[in-house]
Amino acid sequence: MMIKLTRTSGQNFILNAELILEVQETPDTVITLSNGKKLLVKDSAADIVEKVISYRQKIMAGITRTGERS
């Protein structure tokens, strides 16, 4: 599952949320990925955290549904 973000240029892109290592506001928002790459985005750190939480909730809901018995 991916999250939709916006580059500082205004261009939207999709990022694999599992790759996010760190999010900082400096005051621009900088996302550090697990491979060391840094991305500069318009989205606030709070918005990114909210999107990641929503993403993980969807994953957990899918696991719960899959594991349910009839």
PDB file of N, CA and C in Angstrom:
ATOM      1  N   MET A   1       0.848  -1.177   0.000  1.00  0.00           N
ATOM      2  CA  MET A   1       0.000   0.000   0.000  1.00  0.00           C
ATOM      3  C   MET A   1       0.889   1.235   0.000  1.00  0.00           C
ATOM      4  N   MET A   2       0.452   2.239  -0.679  1.00  0.00           N
ATOM      5  CA  MET A   2       1.237   3.451  -0.854  1.00  0.00           C
ATOM      6  C   MET A   2       0.466   4.659  -0.321  1.00  0.00           C
ATOM      7  N   ILE A   3       1.186   5.760  -0.098  1.00  0.00           N
ATOM      8  CA  ILE A   3       0.539   7.009   0.300  1.00  0.00           C
ATOM      9  C   ILE A   3       0.836   8.073  -0.751  1.00  0.00           C
ATOM     10  N   LYS A   4      -0.127   8.971  -0.949  1.00  0.00           N
ATOM     11  CA  LYS A   4       0.006  10.033  -1.945  1.00  0.00           C
ATOM     12  C   LYS A   4       0.537  11.289  -1.259  1.00  0.00           C
ATOM     13  N   LEU A   5       1.614  11.852  -1.816  1.00  0.00           N
ATOM     14  CA  LEU A   5       2.242  13.055  -1.285  1.00  0.00           C
ATOM     15  C   LEU A   5       2.429  14.068  -2.405  1.00  0.00           C
ATOM     16  N   THR A   6       2.842  15.293  -2.025  1.00  0.00           N
ATOM     17  CA  THR A   6       3.050  16.355  -3.005  1.00  0.00           C
ATOM     18  C   THR A   6       4.454  16.926  -2.862  1.00  0.00           C
ATOM     19  N   ARG A   7       5.185  16.931  -3.965  1.00  0.00           N
ATOM     20  CA  ARG A   7       6.526  17.532  -3.977  1.00  0.00           C
ATOM     21  C   ARG A   7       6.400  19.048  -3.820  1.00  0.00           C
ATOM     22  N   THR A   8       7.478  19.711  -3.470  1.00  0.00           N
ATOM     23  CA  THR A   8       7.442  21.167  -3.324  1.00  0.00           C
ATOM     24  C   THR A   8       7.127  21.853  -4.648  1.00  0.00           C
ATOM     25  N   SER A   9       7.335  21.167  -5.762  1.00  0.00           N
ATOM     26  CA  SER A   9       7.015  21.702  -7.093  1.00  0.00           C
ATOM     27  C   SER A   9       5.519  21.630  -7.384  1.00  0.00           C
ATOM     28  N   GLY A  10       4.768  20.939  -6.511  1.00  0.00           N
ATOM     29  CA  GLY A  10       3.336  20.775  -6.710  1.00  0.00           C
ATOM     30  C   GLY A  10       2.961  19.461  -7.371  1.00  0.00           C
ATOM     31  N   GLN A  11       3.953  18.694  -7.789  1.00  0.00           N
ATOM     32  CA  GLN A  11       3.713  17.412  -8.455  1.00  0.00           C
ATOM     33  C   GLN A  11       3.369  16.334  -7.420  1.00  0.00           C
ATOM     34  N   ASN A  12       2.267  15.620  -7.656  1.00  0.00           N
ATOM     35  CA  ASN A  12       1.879  14.517  -6.776  1.00  0.00           C
ATOM     36  C   ASN A  12       2.691  13.277  -7.114  1.00  0.00           C
ATOM     37  N   PHE A  13       2.950  12.467  -6.088  1.00  0.00           N
ATOM     38  CA  PHE A  13       3.619  11.185  -6.305  1.00  0.00           C
ATOM     39  C   PHE A  13       3.167  10.210  -5.232  1.00  0.00           C
ATOM     40  N   ILE A  14       3.419   8.956  -5.481  1.00  0.00           N
ATOM     41  CA  ILE A  14       3.033   7.891  -4.559  1.00  0.00           C
ATOM     42  C   ILE A  14       4.305   7.306  -3.939  1.00  0.00           C
ATOM     43  N   LEU A  15       4.291   7.150  -2.614  1.00  0.00           N
ATOM     44  CA  LEU A  15       5.456   6.642  -1.890  1.00  0.00           C
ATOM     45  C   LEU A  15       5.073   5.395  -1.094  1.00  0.00           C
ATOM     46  N   ASN A  16       5.928   4.413  -1.127  1.00  0.00           N
ATOM     47  CA  ASN A  16       5.750   3.223  -0.303  1.00  0.00           C
ATOM     48  C   ASN A  16       6.004   3.629   1.151  1.00  0.00           C
ATOM     49  N   ALA A  17       4.965   3.640   1.962  1.00  0.00           N
ATOM     50  CA  ALA A  17       5.066   4.098   3.350  1.00  0.00           C
ATOM     51  C   ALA A  17       6.018   3.246   4.181  1.00  0.00           C
ATOM     52  N   GLU A  18       6.245   2.016   3.765  1.00  0.00           N
ATOM     53  CA  GLU A  18       7.152   1.127   4.501  1.00  0.00           C
ATOM     54  C   GLU A  18       8.608   1.591   4.409  1.00  0.00           C
ATOM     55  N   LEU A  19       8.913   2.460   3.458  1.00  0.00           N
ATOM     56  CA  LEU A  19      10.286   2.940   3.278  1.00  0.00           C
ATOM     57  C   LEU A  19      10.625   4.139   4.159  1.00  0.00           C
ATOM     58  N   ILE A  20       9.622   4.746   4.810  1.00  0.00           N
ATOM     59  CA  ILE A  20       9.858   5.956   5.604  1.00  0.00           C
ATOM     60  C   ILE A  20      10.578   5.609   6.897  1.00  0.00           C
ATOM     61  N   LEU A  21      11.716   6.269   7.097  1.00  0.00           N
ATOM     62  CA  LEU A  21      12.500   6.093   8.311  1.00  0.00           C
ATOM     63  C   LEU A  21      12.248   7.248   9.278  1.00  0.00           C
ATOM     64  N   GLU A  22      12.148   8.472   8.717  1.00  0.00           N
ATOM     65  CA  GLU A  22      12.049   9.668   9.554  1.00  0.00           C
ATOM     66  C   GLU A  22      11.372  10.788   8.776  1.00  0.00           C
ATOM     67  N   VAL A  23      10.616  11.640   9.491  1.00  0.00           N
ATOM     68  CA  VAL A  23      10.003  12.829   8.899  1.00  0.00           C
ATOM     69  C   VAL A  23      10.370  14.015   9.776  1.00  0.00           C
ATOM     70  N   GLN A  24      10.911  15.072   9.151  1.00  0.00           N
ATOM     71  CA  GLN A  24      11.315  16.274   9.885  1.00  0.00           C
ATOM     72  C   GLN A  24      10.723  17.505   9.220  1.00  0.00           C
ATOM     73  N   GLU A  25      10.385  18.521  10.029  1.00  0.00           N
ATOM     74  CA  GLU A  25       9.995  19.823   9.497  1.00  0.00           C
ATOM     75  C   GLU A  25      11.123  20.787   9.838  1.00  0.00           C
ATOM     76  N   THR A  26      11.717  21.409   8.803  1.00  0.00           N
ATOM     77  CA  THR A  26      12.941  22.197   9.012  1.00  0.00           C
ATOM     78  C   THR A  26      12.939  23.596   8.389  1.00  0.00           C
ATOM     79  N   PRO A  27      11.996  24.415   8.103  1.00  0.00           N
ATOM     80  CA  PRO A  27      10.554  24.246   8.240  1.00  0.00           C
ATOM     81  C   PRO A  27       9.939  23.419   7.114  1.00  0.00           C
ATOM     82  N   ASP A  28      10.666  23.222   5.994  1.00  0.00           N
ATOM     83  CA  ASP A  28      10.122  22.339   4.955  1.00  0.00           C
ATOM     84  C   ASP A  28      10.083  20.915   5.501  1.00  0.00           C
ATOM     85  N   THR A  29       9.205  20.102   4.954  1.00  0.00           N
ATOM     86  CA  THR A  29       9.103  18.720   5.410  1.00  0.00           C
ATOM     87  C   THR A  29      10.056  17.844   4.611  1.00  0.00           C
ATOM     88  N   VAL A  30      10.943  17.165   5.334  1.00  0.00           N
ATOM     89  CA  VAL A  30      11.935  16.281   4.725  1.00  0.00           C
ATOM     90  C   VAL A  30      11.650  14.855   5.194  1.00  0.00           C
ATOM     91  N   ILE A  31      11.482  13.957   4.223  1.00  0.00           N
ATOM     92  CA  ILE A  31      11.276  12.541   4.527  1.00  0.00           C
ATOM     93  C   ILE A  31      12.585  11.817   4.243  1.00  0.00           C
ATOM     94  N   THR A  32      13.088  11.093   5.239  1.00  0.00           N
ATOM     95  CA  THR A  32      14.273  10.264   5.039  1.00  0.00           C
ATOM     96  C   THR A  32      13.804   8.827   4.869  1.00  0.00           C
ATOM     97  N   LEU A  33      14.249   8.207   3.780  1.00  0.00           N
ATOM     98  CA  LEU A  33      13.867   6.830   3.485  1.00  0.00           C
ATOM     99  C   LEU A  33      14.891   5.857   4.059  1.00  0.00           C
ATOM    100  N   SER A  34      14.516   4.613   4.151  1.00  0.00           N
ATOM    101  CA  SER A  34      15.393   3.592   4.732  1.00  0.00           C
ATOM    102  C   SER A  34      16.681   3.400   3.938  1.00  0.00           C
ATOM    103  N   ASN A  35      16.694   3.818   2.661  1.00  0.00           N
ATOM    104  CA  ASN A  35      17.911   3.712   1.845  1.00  0.00           C
ATOM    105  C   ASN A  35      18.782   4.965   1.939  1.00  0.00           C
ATOM    106  N   GLY A  36      18.386   5.934   2.800  1.00  0.00           N
ATOM    107  CA  GLY A  36      19.152   7.155   2.996  1.00  0.00           C
ATOM    108  C   GLY A  36      18.718   8.317   2.118  1.00  0.00           C
ATOM    109  N   LYS A  37      17.918   8.051   1.098  1.00  0.00           N
ATOM    110  CA  LYS A  37      17.435   9.109   0.204  1.00  0.00           C
ATOM    111  C   LYS A  37      16.509  10.041   0.970  1.00  0.00           C
ATOM    112  N   LYS A  38      16.579  11.341   0.651  1.00  0.00           N
ATOM    113  CA  LYS A  38      15.732  12.337   1.299  1.00  0.00           C
ATOM    114  C   LYS A  38      14.796  12.949   0.265  1.00  0.00           C
ATOM    115  N   LEU A  39      13.542  13.149   0.662  1.00  0.00           N
ATOM    116  CA  LEU A  39      12.537  13.755  -0.201  1.00  0.00           C
ATOM    117  C   LEU A  39      12.001  15.009   0.468  1.00  0.00           C
ATOM    118  N   LEU A  40      11.858  16.090  -0.296  1.00  0.00           N
ATOM    119  CA  LEU A  40      11.301  17.343   0.190  1.00  0.00           C
ATOM    120  C   LEU A  40       9.863  17.425  -0.300  1.00  0.00           C
ATOM    121  N   VAL A  41       8.907  17.588   0.623  1.00  0.00           N
ATOM    122  CA  VAL A  41       7.494  17.586   0.252  1.00  0.00           C
ATOM    123  C   VAL A  41       6.747  18.764   0.869  1.00  0.00           C
ATOM    124  N   LYS A  42       5.577  19.075   0.281  1.00  0.00           N
ATOM    125  CA  LYS A  42       4.705  20.130   0.806  1.00  0.00           C
ATOM    126  C   LYS A  42       3.905  19.661   2.015  1.00  0.00           C
ATOM    127  N   ASP A  43       3.611  18.366   2.071  1.00  0.00           N
ATOM    128  CA  ASP A  43       2.777  17.813   3.139  1.00  0.00           C
ATOM    129  C   ASP A  43       3.441  18.051   4.500  1.00  0.00           C
ATOM    130  N   SER A  44       2.622  18.342   5.511  1.00  0.00           N
ATOM    131  CA  SER A  44       3.172  18.528   6.856  1.00  0.00           C
ATOM    132  C   SER A  44       3.521  17.169   7.460  1.00  0.00           C
ATOM    133  N   ALA A  45       4.365  17.192   8.471  1.00  0.00           N
ATOM    134  CA  ALA A  45       4.726  15.949   9.160  1.00  0.00           C
ATOM    135  C   ALA A  45       3.473  15.302   9.742  1.00  0.00           C
ATOM    136  N   ALA A  46       2.572  16.114  10.299  1.00  0.00           N
ATOM    137  CA  ALA A  46       1.333  15.583  10.876  1.00  0.00           C
ATOM    138  C   ALA A  46       0.482  14.889   9.816  1.00  0.00           C
ATOM    139  N   ASP A  47       0.395  15.478   8.619  1.00  0.00           N
ATOM    140  CA  ASP A  47      -0.377  14.861   7.531  1.00  0.00           C
ATOM    141  C   ASP A  47       0.241  13.529   7.112  1.00  0.00           C
ATOM    142  N   ILE A  48       1.557  13.488   7.048  1.00  0.00           N
ATOM    143  CA  ILE A  48       2.238  12.253   6.649  1.00  0.00           C
ATOM    144  C   ILE A  48       2.000  11.162   7.688  1.00  0.00           C
ATOM    145  N   VAL A  49       2.115  11.519   8.960  1.00  0.00           N
ATOM    146  CA  VAL A  49       1.871  10.548  10.033  1.00  0.00           C
ATOM    147  C   VAL A  49       0.440  10.022   9.941  1.00  0.00           C
ATOM    148  N   GLU A  50      -0.520  10.916   9.702  1.00  0.00           N
ATOM    149  CA  GLU A  50      -1.926  10.511   9.571  1.00  0.00           C
ATOM    150  C   GLU A  50      -2.115   9.535   8.402  1.00  0.00           C
ATOM    151  N   LYS A  51      -1.464   9.812   7.278  1.00  0.00           N
ATOM    152  CA  LYS A  51      -1.568   8.934   6.109  1.00  0.00           C
ATOM    153  C   LYS A  51      -0.947   7.570   6.383  1.00  0.00           C
ATOM    154  N   VAL A  52       0.176   7.552   7.089  1.00  0.00           N
ATOM    155  CA  VAL A  52       0.838   6.279   7.409  1.00  0.00           C
ATOM    156  C   VAL A  52      -0.024   5.466   8.378  1.00  0.00           C
ATOM    157  N   ILE A  53      -0.608   6.137   9.377  1.00  0.00           N
ATOM    158  CA  ILE A  53      -1.482   5.436  10.323  1.00  0.00           C
ATOM    159  C   ILE A  53      -2.684   4.850   9.593  1.00  0.00           C
ATOM    160  N   SER A  54      -3.294   5.634   8.715  1.00  0.00           N
ATOM    161  CA  SER A  54      -4.438   5.159   7.936  1.00  0.00           C
ATOM    162  C   SER A  54      -4.043   3.950   7.087  1.00  0.00           C
ATOM    163  N   TYR A  55      -2.881   4.037   6.460  1.00  0.00           N
ATOM    164  CA  TYR A  55      -2.356   2.930   5.645  1.00  0.00           C
ATOM    165  C   TYR A  55      -2.212   1.667   6.485  1.00  0.00           C
ATOM    166  N   ARG A  56      -1.627   1.800   7.670  1.00  0.00           N
ATOM    167  CA  ARG A  56      -1.397   0.625   8.521  1.00  0.00           C
ATOM    168  C   ARG A  56      -2.706   0.055   9.063  1.00  0.00           C
ATOM    169  N   GLN A  57      -3.682   0.934   9.329  1.00  0.00           N
ATOM    170  CA  GLN A  57      -4.991   0.452   9.775  1.00  0.00           C
ATOM    171  C   GLN A  57      -5.653  -0.388   8.688  1.00  0.00           C
ATOM    172  N   LYS A  58      -5.505   0.044   7.432  1.00  0.00           N
ATOM    173  CA  LYS A  58      -6.070  -0.721   6.317  1.00  0.00           C
ATOM    174  C   LYS A  58      -5.394  -2.086   6.211  1.00  0.00           C
ATOM    175  N   ILE A  59      -4.092  -2.122   6.414  1.00  0.00           N
ATOM    176  CA  ILE A  59      -3.359  -3.391   6.380  1.00  0.00           C
ATOM    177  C   ILE A  59      -3.869  -4.315   7.486  1.00  0.00           C
ATOM    178  N   MET A  60      -3.993  -3.781   8.705  1.00  0.00           N
ATOM    179  CA  MET A  60      -4.439  -4.595   9.834  1.00  0.00           C
ATOM    180  C   MET A  60      -5.878  -5.060   9.643  1.00  0.00           C
ATOM    181  N   ALA A  61      -6.730  -4.228   9.082  1.00  0.00           N
ATOM    182  CA  ALA A  61      -8.123  -4.615   8.825  1.00  0.00           C
ATOM    183  C   ALA A  61      -8.159  -5.767   7.830  1.00  0.00           C
ATOM    184  N   GLY A  62      -7.300  -5.727   6.839  1.00  0.00           N
ATOM    185  CA  GLY A  62      -7.226  -6.806   5.859  1.00  0.00           C
ATOM    186  C   GLY A  62      -6.762  -8.102   6.481  1.00  0.00           C
ATOM    187  N   ILE A  63      -5.815  -8.011   7.399  1.00  0.00           N
ATOM    188  CA  ILE A  63      -5.320  -9.207   8.087  1.00  0.00           C
ATOM    189  C   ILE A  63      -6.424  -9.794   8.948  1.00  0.00           C
ATOM    190  N   THR A  64      -7.173  -8.931   9.638  1.00  0.00           N
ATOM    191  CA  THR A  64      -8.262  -9.394  10.494  1.00  0.00           C
ATOM    192  C   THR A  64      -9.331 -10.092   9.666  1.00  0.00           C
ATOM    193  N   ARG A  65      -9.728  -9.480   8.544  1.00  0.00           N
ATOM    194  CA  ARG A  65     -10.758 -10.082   7.689  1.00  0.00           C
ATOM    195  C   ARG A  65     -10.280 -11.418   7.132  1.00  0.00           C
ATOM    196  N   THR A  66      -9.044 -11.479   6.740  1.00  0.00           N
ATOM    197  CA  THR A  66      -8.501 -12.709   6.171  1.00  0.00           C
ATOM    198  C   THR A  66      -8.473 -13.822   7.214  1.00  0.00           C
ATOM    199  N   GLY A  67      -8.203 -13.457   8.455  1.00  0.00           N
ATOM    200  CA  GLY A  67      -8.091 -14.455   9.513  1.00  0.00           C
ATOM    201  C   GLY A  67      -9.413 -14.853  10.150  1.00  0.00           C
ATOM    202  N   GLU A  68     -10.517 -14.195   9.787  1.00  0.00           N
ATOM    203  CA  GLU A  68     -11.819 -14.517  10.375  1.00  0.00           C
ATOM    204  C   GLU A  68     -12.311 -15.871   9.888  1.00  0.00           C
ATOM    205  N   ARG A  69     -13.051 -16.539  10.753  1.00  0.00           N
ATOM    206  CA  ARG A  69     -13.647 -17.826  10.383  1.00  0.00           C
ATOM    207  C   ARG A  69     -15.115 -17.614  10.059  1.00  0.00           C
ATOM    208  N   SER A  70     -15.624 -18.402   9.140  1.00  0.00           N
ATOM    209  CA  SER A  70     -17.030 -18.295   8.722  1.00  0.00           C
ATOM    210  C   SER A  70     -17.948 -18.875   9.764  1.00  0.00           C
TER     211      SER A  70
END
